Amino acid sequence: MIELTLPLPPSMNSYWRSATTKPKQFGSRMRLAQKPMSPITVYISDKGQKFRTEVIAAVLQARANKKLTGRLQVDLMIYPADKRVQDIDNRIKATLDALTHAGVYADDSQIDRLIVCRGEIIKGGQCRVLITELVG
């Protein structure tokens, strides 16, 4: 069993970012009918990178980088930072991906049972995580 206290995960709306990159021009012979598509690059935002770094620090401090390989149950208790209306499901993926990146388990596809609850307001917000290997 692994217990961690993490910072409040960013919502998915602020975790991922996308940017349109300028298409390559293939000389001056490009016909007007051949409008190039602008490629879109998706990346983790600065806020998302900061969260990942904080999760790695918490995992290392708790010596929880076990790279678990079995089937898992993950319990998340999300403590919001304030009274604003928030969807708690909007914070799940960032947390699970950061735990994978930090080496707690091999892949979040190992999670067979996921329980998410909202806790009371804590200044700054917080996420408590309990990871249990399922038997049988």
Protein backbone atom coordinates (compact mmCIF):
# COMPACT_ATOMS: atom_id res chain seq x y z
CA MET A 1 0.00 0.00 0.00
CA ILE A 2 1.24 3.47 -0.91
CA GLU A 3 -0.05 6.68 0.68
CA LEU A 4 0.86 10.08 -0.74
CA THR A 5 -0.13 13.68 -0.13
CA LEU A 6 0.15 15.71 -3.32
CA PRO A 7 -0.60 19.28 -4.30
CA LEU A 8 -3.98 19.94 -5.90
CA PRO A 9 -3.71 18.67 -9.48
CA PRO A 10 -4.35 21.18 -12.25
CA SER A 11 -7.60 20.74 -14.12
CA MET A 12 -7.29 19.18 -17.56
CA ASN A 13 -8.22 22.58 -19.00
CA SER A 14 -4.93 23.99 -17.73
CA TYR A 15 -2.79 20.81 -17.85
CA TRP A 16 -2.60 20.44 -21.64
CA ARG A 17 -1.83 23.16 -24.17
CA SER A 18 -1.79 23.15 -27.93
CA ALA A 19 -0.06 25.33 -30.48
CA THR A 20 -0.42 25.63 -34.21
CA THR A 21 2.90 25.54 -36.01
CA LYS A 22 3.60 27.18 -39.32
CA PRO A 23 3.32 24.74 -42.24
CA LYS A 24 6.36 24.05 -44.36
CA GLN A 25 6.37 25.74 -47.74
CA PHE A 26 7.51 23.59 -50.63
CA GLY A 27 8.98 26.25 -52.86
CA SER A 28 7.04 28.86 -54.77
CA ARG A 29 5.24 26.30 -56.94
CA MET A 30 2.55 25.47 -54.40
CA ARG A 31 -0.84 25.72 -56.04
CA LEU A 32 -3.63 27.61 -54.35
CA ALA A 33 -5.69 24.42 -54.19
CA GLN A 34 -2.99 22.84 -52.03
CA LYS A 35 -3.58 24.70 -48.80
CA PRO A 36 -1.17 23.22 -46.31
CA MET A 37 -2.62 22.01 -43.02
CA SER A 38 -1.19 23.70 -39.98
CA PRO A 39 0.16 20.98 -37.69
CA ILE A 40 -1.00 21.15 -34.08
CA THR A 41 1.42 20.34 -31.30
CA VAL A 42 -0.03 19.25 -27.94
CA TYR A 43 2.16 19.60 -24.86
CA ILE A 44 2.01 19.74 -21.07
CA SER A 45 1.67 23.31 -19.80
CA ASP A 46 4.04 24.99 -17.35
CA LYS A 47 1.45 24.41 -14.63
CA GLY A 48 1.31 20.72 -15.60
CA GLN A 49 5.12 20.41 -15.61
CA LYS A 50 5.28 22.03 -12.16
CA PHE A 51 2.69 19.55 -10.86
CA ARG A 52 4.66 16.60 -12.32
CA THR A 53 7.84 17.85 -10.64
CA GLU A 54 6.04 18.20 -7.29
CA VAL A 55 4.61 14.68 -7.63
CA ILE A 56 8.07 13.24 -8.35
CA ALA A 57 9.42 14.99 -5.23
CA ALA A 58 6.57 13.62 -3.07
CA VAL A 59 7.01 10.10 -4.49
CA LEU A 60 10.77 10.11 -3.87
CA GLN A 61 10.33 11.48 -0.35
CA ALA A 62 7.83 8.68 0.42
CA ARG A 63 10.05 6.12 -1.36
CA ALA A 64 7.03 5.16 -3.41
CA ASN A 65 8.70 4.78 -6.81
CA LYS A 66 8.02 1.03 -6.72
CA LYS A 67 7.02 0.60 -10.37
CA LEU A 68 4.12 -1.63 -9.29
CA THR A 69 3.14 -4.10 -12.02
CA GLY A 70 -0.01 -5.75 -10.64
CA ARG A 71 -3.67 -4.74 -10.81
CA LEU A 72 -4.40 -1.67 -8.69
CA GLN A 73 -7.01 0.22 -6.76
CA VAL A 74 -6.45 3.96 -6.49
CA ASP A 75 -8.35 6.13 -4.00
CA LEU A 76 -8.15 9.88 -4.55
CA MET A 77 -9.40 12.43 -2.05
CA ILE A 78 -9.45 15.85 -3.70
CA TYR A 79 -9.45 18.81 -1.32
CA PRO A 80 -10.36 21.97 -3.28
CA ALA A 81 -8.54 25.23 -2.62
CA ASP A 82 -11.68 27.38 -2.46
CA LYS A 83 -15.48 27.41 -2.77
CA ARG A 84 -15.58 27.74 -6.57
CA VAL A 85 -17.65 25.14 -8.40
CA GLN A 86 -15.24 22.48 -9.69
CA ASP A 87 -15.60 19.11 -11.37
CA ILE A 88 -13.42 16.67 -9.43
CA ASP A 89 -13.25 14.36 -12.44
CA ASN A 90 -11.32 17.10 -14.23
CA ARG A 91 -8.32 16.44 -11.96
CA ILE A 92 -8.06 12.66 -12.21
CA LYS A 93 -6.04 12.17 -15.42
CA ALA A 94 -3.31 14.66 -14.45
CA THR A 95 -2.86 12.83 -11.14
CA LEU A 96 -2.74 9.34 -12.64
CA ASP A 97 -0.37 10.37 -15.43
CA ALA A 98 1.96 12.14 -12.98
CA LEU A 99 2.08 9.03 -10.77
CA THR A 100 3.00 6.94 -13.83
CA HIS A 101 5.67 9.46 -14.80
CA ALA A 102 7.03 9.38 -11.22
CA GLY A 103 7.45 5.59 -11.36
CA VAL A 104 4.79 4.54 -8.85
CA TYR A 105 3.33 2.04 -11.32
CA ALA A 106 4.18 1.00 -14.86
CA ASP A 107 1.02 2.29 -16.55
CA ASP A 108 -2.32 3.71 -15.47
CA SER A 109 -4.05 0.94 -17.46
CA GLN A 110 -3.26 -1.26 -14.42
CA ILE A 111 -5.95 0.54 -12.43
CA ASP A 112 -9.04 -1.67 -12.14
CA ARG A 113 -10.75 0.26 -9.37
CA LEU A 114 -10.73 4.05 -9.02
CA ILE A 115 -12.50 5.82 -6.17
CA VAL A 116 -12.62 9.62 -6.16
CA CYS A 117 -14.08 11.77 -3.38
CA ARG A 118 -14.22 15.48 -2.66
CA GLY A 119 -12.95 16.56 0.74
CA GLU A 120 -13.33 19.80 2.63
CA ILE A 121 -11.68 23.01 1.46
CA ILE A 122 -7.98 23.23 2.32
CA LYS A 123 -6.09 26.44 1.63
CA GLY A 124 -4.00 25.85 -1.49
CA GLY A 125 -5.80 22.57 -2.19
CA GLN A 126 -4.48 19.05 -1.87
CA CYS A 127 -4.87 15.51 -3.18
CA ARG A 128 -4.41 12.46 -0.98
CA VAL A 129 -3.70 9.21 -2.78
CA LEU A 130 -3.94 5.63 -1.56
CA ILE A 131 -2.73 2.91 -3.94
CA THR A 132 -3.43 -0.74 -3.15
CA GLU A 133 -2.44 -3.81 -5.14
CA LEU A 134 -5.45 -6.02 -5.80
CA VAL A 135 -5.11 -9.71 -5.03
CA GLY A 136 -6.54 -12.41 -7.29
